[in-house]
C-alpha cells in the first residue's frame, strides 16, 4: 500500500473526529446551564465601621455557566414532606422582578431570613429542602439538598 493512501485515510479520520466534536460542542454550548447552591449564611450589617447584630439567611446562589444570556424565574422549593412537597416563598417586600436576565458568568443571590421560615417549615415536618429553578424555556435545574440542623 502506498504511504499517500495511508496518510489520506489518517487525515480523513482525524478531520471526521474533529467535525463530530465541533458539532457536539456547538449543541452542548447552546443549552442553558446554571449552578445552584443553597447555604445558610450569617450576615452582619456594617455602617460607618460599626457592626450591628447579625442575622442568619438562607441564600440561594444562582450562576449562569452557559455562554449565552439566560432568563430565570423566581426559585421555588421541594421538601421531604409528603403533604407539602412543593412550595414557594411569598415575599411582599421583594425588589427583584422576574424573569431576571443573567449574562454569561453572572450570579444572582436569592436570600430569605432563616429564622422567619425555619419554624414554619418545622411545623410541617420539613427537615430538608432543595431549590428548583426554571428558565424561560421551562427547563428545570436543581440544587443539592439542604438539611436543617435542629
N, C-alpha and C. Protein backbone atom coordinates (compact mmCIF):
# COMPACT_ATOMS: atom_id res chain seq x y z
N UNK A 1 0.85 -1.18 0.00
CA UNK A 1 0.00 0.00 0.00
C UNK A 1 0.89 1.24 0.00
N UNK A 2 0.51 2.20 -0.76
CA UNK A 2 1.27 3.43 -0.90
C UNK A 2 1.12 4.29 0.37
N UNK A 3 2.19 4.92 0.79
CA UNK A 3 2.15 5.76 2.00
C UNK A 3 1.19 6.94 1.85
N UNK A 4 0.93 7.41 0.62
CA UNK A 4 0.00 8.53 0.40
C UNK A 4 -1.44 8.12 0.74
N UNK A 5 -1.80 6.90 0.48
CA UNK A 5 -3.14 6.40 0.81
C UNK A 5 -3.31 6.32 2.33
N UNK A 6 -2.30 5.85 3.02
CA UNK A 6 -2.35 5.75 4.49
C UNK A 6 -2.48 7.14 5.11
N UNK A 7 -1.71 8.09 4.62
CA UNK A 7 -1.79 9.47 5.15
C UNK A 7 -3.15 10.08 4.85
N UNK A 8 -3.71 9.85 3.68
CA UNK A 8 -5.02 10.43 3.36
C UNK A 8 -6.13 9.78 4.19
N UNK A 9 -6.05 8.48 4.47
CA UNK A 9 -7.04 7.81 5.34
C UNK A 9 -6.92 8.37 6.76
N UNK A 10 -5.69 8.53 7.24
CA UNK A 10 -5.47 9.09 8.58
C UNK A 10 -6.02 10.52 8.66
N UNK A 11 -5.77 11.35 7.66
CA UNK A 11 -6.27 12.73 7.65
C UNK A 11 -7.80 12.77 7.60
N UNK A 12 -8.40 11.87 6.82
CA UNK A 12 -9.87 11.81 6.74
C UNK A 12 -10.47 11.41 8.08
N UNK A 13 -9.83 10.45 8.74
CA UNK A 13 -10.31 10.00 10.05
C UNK A 13 -10.21 11.12 11.09
N UNK A 14 -9.10 11.79 11.14
CA UNK A 14 -8.91 12.89 12.10
C UNK A 14 -9.90 14.03 11.82
N UNK A 15 -10.08 14.42 10.58
CA UNK A 15 -11.00 15.52 10.27
C UNK A 15 -12.44 15.14 10.58
N UNK A 16 -12.81 13.89 10.41
CA UNK A 16 -14.16 13.44 10.77
C UNK A 16 -14.38 13.51 12.27
N UNK A 17 -13.40 13.09 13.04
CA UNK A 17 -13.50 13.16 14.51
C UNK A 17 -13.61 14.61 14.97
N UNK A 18 -12.80 15.49 14.39
CA UNK A 18 -12.86 16.92 14.75
C UNK A 18 -14.21 17.51 14.38
N UNK A 19 -14.74 17.16 13.22
CA UNK A 19 -16.04 17.65 12.77
C UNK A 19 -17.15 17.22 13.74
N UNK A 20 -17.15 15.95 14.15
CA UNK A 20 -18.17 15.46 15.10
C UNK A 20 -18.01 16.16 16.44
N UNK A 21 -16.78 16.36 16.88
CA UNK A 21 -16.54 17.05 18.16
C UNK A 21 -17.05 18.50 18.11
N UNK A 22 -16.84 19.20 17.02
CA UNK A 22 -17.30 20.58 16.90
C UNK A 22 -18.83 20.66 16.89
N UNK A 23 -19.49 19.70 16.25
CA UNK A 23 -20.96 19.66 16.28
C UNK A 23 -21.45 19.44 17.70
N UNK A 24 -20.83 18.52 18.44
CA UNK A 24 -21.17 18.28 19.83
C UNK A 24 -20.98 19.54 20.67
N UNK A 25 -19.85 20.21 20.53
CA UNK A 25 -19.60 21.46 21.27
C UNK A 25 -20.64 22.53 20.94
N UNK A 26 -21.01 22.66 19.68
CA UNK A 26 -21.97 23.67 19.26
C UNK A 26 -23.31 23.45 19.96
N UNK A 27 -23.84 22.26 19.95
CA UNK A 27 -25.13 21.98 20.58
C UNK A 27 -25.04 21.95 22.10
N UNK A 28 -23.92 21.51 22.62
CA UNK A 28 -23.74 21.48 24.07
C UNK A 28 -23.67 22.89 24.65
N UNK A 29 -23.03 23.81 23.95
CA UNK A 29 -22.89 25.18 24.44
C UNK A 29 -24.18 25.98 24.32
N UNK A 30 -25.08 25.58 23.45
CA UNK A 30 -26.33 26.31 23.29
C UNK A 30 -27.30 26.05 24.44
N UNK A 31 -27.13 24.93 25.12
CA UNK A 31 -28.02 24.62 26.23
C UNK A 31 -27.73 25.56 27.39
N UNK A 32 -28.77 25.90 28.12
CA UNK A 32 -28.59 26.71 29.31
C UNK A 32 -28.06 25.86 30.44
N UNK A 33 -27.18 26.44 31.21
CA UNK A 33 -26.61 25.72 32.35
C UNK A 33 -26.53 26.67 33.53
N UNK A 34 -27.00 26.21 34.67
CA UNK A 34 -26.93 27.01 35.89
C UNK A 34 -26.35 26.16 37.01
N UNK A 35 -25.53 26.78 37.84
CA UNK A 35 -25.09 26.18 39.09
C UNK A 35 -25.94 26.80 40.19
N UNK A 36 -26.52 25.96 41.04
CA UNK A 36 -27.38 26.44 42.12
C UNK A 36 -26.84 25.91 43.43
N UNK A 37 -26.55 26.82 44.34
CA UNK A 37 -26.06 26.45 45.68
C UNK A 37 -27.03 27.01 46.70
N UNK A 38 -27.31 26.24 47.74
CA UNK A 38 -28.18 26.70 48.82
C UNK A 38 -27.40 26.55 50.12
N UNK A 39 -27.29 27.65 50.87
CA UNK A 39 -26.49 27.68 52.10
C UNK A 39 -27.15 28.54 53.15
N UNK A 40 -26.77 28.29 54.38
CA UNK A 40 -27.14 29.16 55.49
C UNK A 40 -25.93 30.04 55.78
N UNK A 41 -26.14 31.36 55.71
CA UNK A 41 -25.04 32.31 55.87
C UNK A 41 -25.40 33.33 56.95
N UNK A 42 -24.44 33.63 57.78
CA UNK A 42 -24.61 34.63 58.83
C UNK A 42 -24.12 35.97 58.29
N UNK A 43 -25.04 36.93 58.15
CA UNK A 43 -24.68 38.25 57.62
C UNK A 43 -24.75 39.29 58.73
N UNK A 44 -23.73 40.14 58.74
CA UNK A 44 -23.62 41.20 59.75
C UNK A 44 -23.68 42.55 59.06
N UNK A 45 -24.70 43.38 59.39
CA UNK A 45 -24.73 44.72 58.81
C UNK A 45 -23.64 45.61 59.40
N UNK A 46 -23.06 46.45 58.54
CA UNK A 46 -21.99 47.33 58.99
C UNK A 46 -22.23 48.72 58.41
N UNK A 47 -22.16 49.72 59.28
CA UNK A 47 -22.36 51.09 58.85
C UNK A 47 -21.35 51.98 59.56
N UNK A 48 -20.59 52.74 58.80
CA UNK A 48 -19.56 53.64 59.35
C UNK A 48 -18.62 52.90 60.29
N UNK A 49 -18.15 51.74 59.87
CA UNK A 49 -17.21 50.89 60.63
C UNK A 49 -17.78 50.39 61.95
N UNK A 50 -19.09 50.40 62.10
CA UNK A 50 -19.73 49.88 63.31
C UNK A 50 -20.57 48.68 62.91
N UNK A 51 -20.29 47.55 63.56
CA UNK A 51 -21.02 46.33 63.25
C UNK A 51 -22.26 46.21 64.13
N UNK A 52 -23.35 45.81 63.52
CA UNK A 52 -24.59 45.57 64.26
C UNK A 52 -24.74 44.07 64.50
N UNK A 53 -25.84 43.70 65.11
CA UNK A 53 -26.11 42.30 65.37
C UNK A 53 -26.44 41.61 64.05
N UNK A 54 -25.87 40.45 63.82
CA UNK A 54 -26.06 39.71 62.58
C UNK A 54 -27.30 38.83 62.59
N UNK A 55 -27.66 38.35 61.42
CA UNK A 55 -28.83 37.52 61.23
C UNK A 55 -28.47 36.38 60.28
N UNK A 56 -29.05 35.20 60.53
CA UNK A 56 -28.87 34.07 59.62
C UNK A 56 -29.79 34.21 58.42
N UNK A 57 -29.26 33.91 57.23
CA UNK A 57 -30.03 33.94 56.00
C UNK A 57 -29.90 32.60 55.28
N UNK A 58 -30.99 32.21 54.62
CA UNK A 58 -30.96 31.10 53.68
C UNK A 58 -30.70 31.72 52.32
N UNK A 59 -29.55 31.43 51.72
CA UNK A 59 -29.13 32.09 50.48
C UNK A 59 -29.05 31.06 49.36
N UNK A 60 -29.75 31.37 48.27
CA UNK A 60 -29.69 30.56 47.06
C UNK A 60 -28.85 31.35 46.06
N UNK A 61 -27.72 30.80 45.68
CA UNK A 61 -26.81 31.46 44.74
C UNK A 61 -26.94 30.78 43.38
N UNK A 62 -27.34 31.56 42.36
CA UNK A 62 -27.58 31.05 41.02
C UNK A 62 -26.53 31.66 40.09
N UNK A 63 -25.77 30.82 39.40
CA UNK A 63 -24.73 31.27 38.48
C UNK A 63 -25.01 30.74 37.09
N UNK A 64 -25.01 31.64 36.11
CA UNK A 64 -25.18 31.24 34.72
C UNK A 64 -23.82 30.80 34.19
N UNK A 65 -23.65 29.51 33.94
CA UNK A 65 -22.37 29.00 33.44
C UNK A 65 -22.41 28.70 31.95
N UNK A 66 -23.50 29.05 31.28
CA UNK A 66 -23.56 28.86 29.83
C UNK A 66 -22.91 30.07 29.15
N UNK A 67 -22.75 29.99 27.84
CA UNK A 67 -22.11 31.07 27.11
C UNK A 67 -23.10 32.15 26.68
N UNK A 68 -24.40 31.90 26.86
CA UNK A 68 -25.42 32.84 26.40
C UNK A 68 -26.16 33.47 27.57
N UNK A 69 -26.79 34.58 27.30
CA UNK A 69 -27.66 35.24 28.26
C UNK A 69 -28.90 34.38 28.46
N UNK A 70 -29.29 34.13 29.72
CA UNK A 70 -30.45 33.31 30.04
C UNK A 70 -31.35 34.06 31.00
N UNK A 71 -32.64 33.80 30.92
CA UNK A 71 -33.63 34.41 31.82
C UNK A 71 -34.13 33.36 32.79
N UNK A 72 -34.25 33.74 34.07
CA UNK A 72 -34.71 32.79 35.08
C UNK A 72 -35.98 33.31 35.75
N UNK A 73 -36.81 32.37 36.20
CA UNK A 73 -37.97 32.68 37.01
C UNK A 73 -37.58 32.61 38.48
N UNK A 74 -38.49 33.03 39.34
CA UNK A 74 -38.22 33.01 40.78
C UNK A 74 -38.04 31.58 41.26
N UNK A 75 -37.03 31.32 42.11
CA UNK A 75 -36.81 29.96 42.60
C UNK A 75 -37.98 29.46 43.44
N UNK A 76 -38.25 28.16 43.36
CA UNK A 76 -39.22 27.51 44.22
C UNK A 76 -38.51 26.35 44.90
N UNK A 77 -39.24 25.59 45.72
CA UNK A 77 -38.59 24.60 46.57
C UNK A 77 -39.32 23.27 46.55
N UNK A 78 -38.55 22.21 46.82
CA UNK A 78 -39.07 20.87 47.02
C UNK A 78 -38.66 20.47 48.43
N UNK A 79 -39.57 19.84 49.16
CA UNK A 79 -39.25 19.41 50.52
C UNK A 79 -39.32 17.89 50.62
N UNK A 80 -38.91 17.37 51.77
CA UNK A 80 -39.00 15.94 52.01
C UNK A 80 -40.33 15.56 52.67
N UNK A 81 -41.24 16.52 52.84
CA UNK A 81 -42.55 16.25 53.43
C UNK A 81 -43.51 15.71 52.37
N UNK A 82 -44.37 14.79 52.78
CA UNK A 82 -45.34 14.24 51.83
C UNK A 82 -46.50 15.20 51.59
N UNK A 83 -46.88 15.98 52.60
CA UNK A 83 -48.02 16.90 52.48
C UNK A 83 -47.67 18.20 51.77
N UNK A 84 -46.50 18.71 52.01
CA UNK A 84 -46.06 19.99 51.44
C UNK A 84 -44.82 19.75 50.58
N UNK A 85 -44.97 18.97 49.53
CA UNK A 85 -43.83 18.58 48.70
C UNK A 85 -43.22 19.77 47.95
N UNK A 86 -44.06 20.58 47.31
CA UNK A 86 -43.59 21.75 46.55
C UNK A 86 -44.13 23.01 47.20
N UNK A 87 -43.29 24.02 47.34
CA UNK A 87 -43.75 25.29 47.90
C UNK A 87 -42.92 26.43 47.35
N UNK A 88 -43.44 27.62 47.53
CA UNK A 88 -42.77 28.83 47.10
C UNK A 88 -42.87 29.83 48.24
N UNK A 89 -41.96 30.76 48.31
CA UNK A 89 -41.99 31.78 49.36
C UNK A 89 -42.62 33.04 48.79
N UNK A 90 -43.63 33.51 49.47
CA UNK A 90 -44.32 34.72 49.05
C UNK A 90 -43.75 35.89 49.83
N UNK A 91 -42.92 36.68 49.18
CA UNK A 91 -42.26 37.82 49.81
C UNK A 91 -42.92 39.10 49.33
N UNK A 92 -43.46 39.88 50.26
CA UNK A 92 -44.14 41.11 49.88
C UNK A 92 -43.19 42.27 49.68
N UNK A 93 -41.98 42.15 50.19
CA UNK A 93 -41.01 43.24 50.07
C UNK A 93 -39.93 42.95 49.02
N UNK A 94 -40.22 42.06 48.07
CA UNK A 94 -39.18 41.72 47.10
C UNK A 94 -38.97 42.87 46.12
N UNK A 95 -37.70 43.06 45.77
CA UNK A 95 -37.30 44.17 44.91
C UNK A 95 -36.88 43.70 43.52
N UNK A 96 -36.77 42.41 43.31
CA UNK A 96 -36.32 41.85 42.04
C UNK A 96 -37.53 41.46 41.21
N UNK A 97 -37.53 41.85 39.95
CA UNK A 97 -38.62 41.49 39.03
C UNK A 97 -38.17 40.30 38.19
N UNK A 98 -39.01 39.28 38.18
CA UNK A 98 -38.74 38.08 37.39
C UNK A 98 -39.63 38.07 36.17
N UNK A 99 -39.18 37.52 35.05
CA UNK A 99 -37.93 36.82 34.79
C UNK A 99 -36.74 37.76 34.81
N UNK A 100 -35.66 37.26 35.35
CA UNK A 100 -34.44 38.03 35.55
C UNK A 100 -33.39 37.59 34.53
N UNK A 101 -32.81 38.53 33.77
CA UNK A 101 -31.76 38.14 32.82
C UNK A 101 -30.42 37.95 33.53
N UNK A 102 -29.72 36.88 33.19
CA UNK A 102 -28.37 36.64 33.70
C UNK A 102 -27.43 36.47 32.51
N UNK A 103 -26.44 37.33 32.43
CA UNK A 103 -25.42 37.22 31.38
C UNK A 103 -24.52 36.02 31.70
N UNK A 104 -23.71 35.63 30.77
CA UNK A 104 -22.77 34.53 30.97
C UNK A 104 -21.83 34.85 32.13
N UNK A 105 -21.76 33.97 33.10
CA UNK A 105 -20.90 34.16 34.27
C UNK A 105 -21.50 35.01 35.37
N UNK A 106 -22.67 35.59 35.16
CA UNK A 106 -23.29 36.46 36.16
C UNK A 106 -23.96 35.61 37.25
N UNK A 107 -24.00 36.17 38.46
CA UNK A 107 -24.56 35.49 39.62
C UNK A 107 -25.71 36.29 40.21
N UNK A 108 -26.72 35.57 40.70
CA UNK A 108 -27.86 36.19 41.39
C UNK A 108 -28.04 35.48 42.73
N UNK A 109 -28.25 36.28 43.78
CA UNK A 109 -28.49 35.69 45.10
C UNK A 109 -29.92 35.97 45.53
N UNK A 110 -30.61 34.91 45.92
CA UNK A 110 -31.97 34.98 46.43
C UNK A 110 -31.86 34.61 47.90
N UNK A 111 -32.18 35.56 48.79
CA UNK A 111 -31.98 35.29 50.21
C UNK A 111 -33.24 35.59 51.01
N UNK A 112 -33.43 34.79 52.06
CA UNK A 112 -34.57 34.91 52.97
C UNK A 112 -34.03 34.77 54.38
N UNK A 113 -34.57 35.56 55.29
CA UNK A 113 -34.13 35.45 56.67
C UNK A 113 -34.48 34.06 57.20
N UNK A 114 -33.49 33.37 57.70
CA UNK A 114 -33.62 31.96 58.07
C UNK A 114 -34.62 31.75 59.19
N UNK A 115 -34.59 32.58 60.22
CA UNK A 115 -35.47 32.40 61.38
C UNK A 115 -36.94 32.61 61.02
N UNK A 116 -37.22 33.36 59.97
CA UNK A 116 -38.61 33.58 59.56
C UNK A 116 -39.23 32.31 58.99
N UNK A 117 -38.45 31.49 58.34
CA UNK A 117 -39.03 30.33 57.67
C UNK A 117 -38.79 29.00 58.39
N UNK A 118 -37.79 28.92 59.26
CA UNK A 118 -37.43 27.64 59.87
C UNK A 118 -38.55 27.10 60.75
N UNK A 119 -39.20 27.96 61.53
CA UNK A 119 -40.28 27.48 62.40
C UNK A 119 -41.47 26.97 61.59
N UNK A 120 -41.81 27.68 60.53
CA UNK A 120 -42.92 27.27 59.67
C UNK A 120 -42.61 25.94 58.99
N UNK A 121 -41.39 25.77 58.53
CA UNK A 121 -41.02 24.52 57.88
C UNK A 121 -41.04 23.35 58.85
N UNK A 122 -40.58 23.57 60.06
CA UNK A 122 -40.59 22.50 61.07
C UNK A 122 -42.01 22.12 61.49
N UNK A 123 -42.94 23.07 61.45
CA UNK A 123 -44.34 22.75 61.77
C UNK A 123 -44.93 21.77 60.77
N UNK A 124 -44.44 21.79 59.54
CA UNK A 124 -44.93 20.89 58.50
C UNK A 124 -44.03 19.67 58.33
N UNK A 125 -43.19 19.41 59.34
CA UNK A 125 -42.27 18.26 59.35
C UNK A 125 -41.33 18.26 58.15
N UNK A 126 -40.86 19.43 57.79
CA UNK A 126 -39.89 19.57 56.71
C UNK A 126 -38.50 19.69 57.34
N UNK A 127 -37.62 18.75 57.02
CA UNK A 127 -36.27 18.79 57.59
C UNK A 127 -35.20 19.09 56.55
N UNK A 128 -35.56 18.97 55.26
CA UNK A 128 -34.62 19.35 54.23
C UNK A 128 -35.37 19.82 52.99
N UNK A 129 -34.69 20.73 52.26
CA UNK A 129 -35.29 21.31 51.06
C UNK A 129 -34.27 21.30 49.92
N UNK A 130 -34.80 21.45 48.72
CA UNK A 130 -34.00 21.53 47.51
C UNK A 130 -34.60 22.66 46.67
N UNK A 131 -33.76 23.44 46.01
CA UNK A 131 -34.22 24.54 45.17
C UNK A 131 -34.48 24.06 43.75
N UNK A 132 -35.61 24.52 43.18
CA UNK A 132 -35.91 24.28 41.77
C UNK A 132 -35.85 25.63 41.07
N UNK A 133 -35.12 25.69 39.99
CA UNK A 133 -35.03 26.91 39.20
C UNK A 133 -35.51 26.58 37.79
N UNK A 134 -36.40 27.42 37.28
CA UNK A 134 -36.88 27.26 35.90
C UNK A 134 -36.39 28.45 35.09
N UNK A 135 -35.95 28.17 33.87
CA UNK A 135 -35.65 29.27 32.98
C UNK A 135 -36.88 29.55 32.13
N UNK A 136 -36.79 30.52 31.25
CA UNK A 136 -37.97 30.90 30.47
C UNK A 136 -38.30 29.89 29.38
N UNK A 137 -37.46 28.88 29.19
CA UNK A 137 -37.77 27.78 28.28
C UNK A 137 -38.40 26.62 29.05
N UNK A 138 -38.72 26.85 30.33
CA UNK A 138 -39.34 25.90 31.25
C UNK A 138 -38.45 24.69 31.53
N UNK A 139 -37.16 24.84 31.39
CA UNK A 139 -36.22 23.80 31.76
C UNK A 139 -35.91 23.93 33.24
N UNK A 140 -35.87 22.81 33.95
CA UNK A 140 -35.68 22.82 35.41
C UNK A 140 -34.23 22.50 35.78
N UNK A 141 -33.77 23.19 36.82
CA UNK A 141 -32.44 22.97 37.38
C UNK A 141 -32.62 22.80 38.88
N UNK A 142 -31.84 21.91 39.48
CA UNK A 142 -31.99 21.60 40.90
C UNK A 142 -30.70 21.85 41.67
N UNK A 143 -30.85 22.22 42.93
CA UNK A 143 -29.70 22.32 43.83
C UNK A 143 -29.57 20.99 44.57
N UNK A 144 -28.54 20.89 45.38
CA UNK A 144 -28.42 19.74 46.28
C UNK A 144 -29.37 19.95 47.45
N UNK A 145 -29.59 18.90 48.22
CA UNK A 145 -30.46 19.00 49.39
C UNK A 145 -29.78 19.84 50.48
N UNK A 146 -30.59 20.66 51.15
CA UNK A 146 -30.13 21.45 52.30
C UNK A 146 -30.88 20.92 53.51
N UNK A 147 -30.15 20.43 54.51
CA UNK A 147 -30.77 19.84 55.68
C UNK A 147 -30.71 20.82 56.85
N UNK A 148 -31.85 20.97 57.53
CA UNK A 148 -31.91 21.86 58.70
C UNK A 148 -31.38 21.14 59.90
N UNK A 149 -30.47 21.78 60.60
CA UNK A 149 -29.93 21.22 61.84
C UNK A 149 -30.83 21.66 62.99
N UNK A 150 -31.26 20.70 63.78
CA UNK A 150 -32.14 21.04 64.92
C UNK A 150 -31.40 21.03 66.21
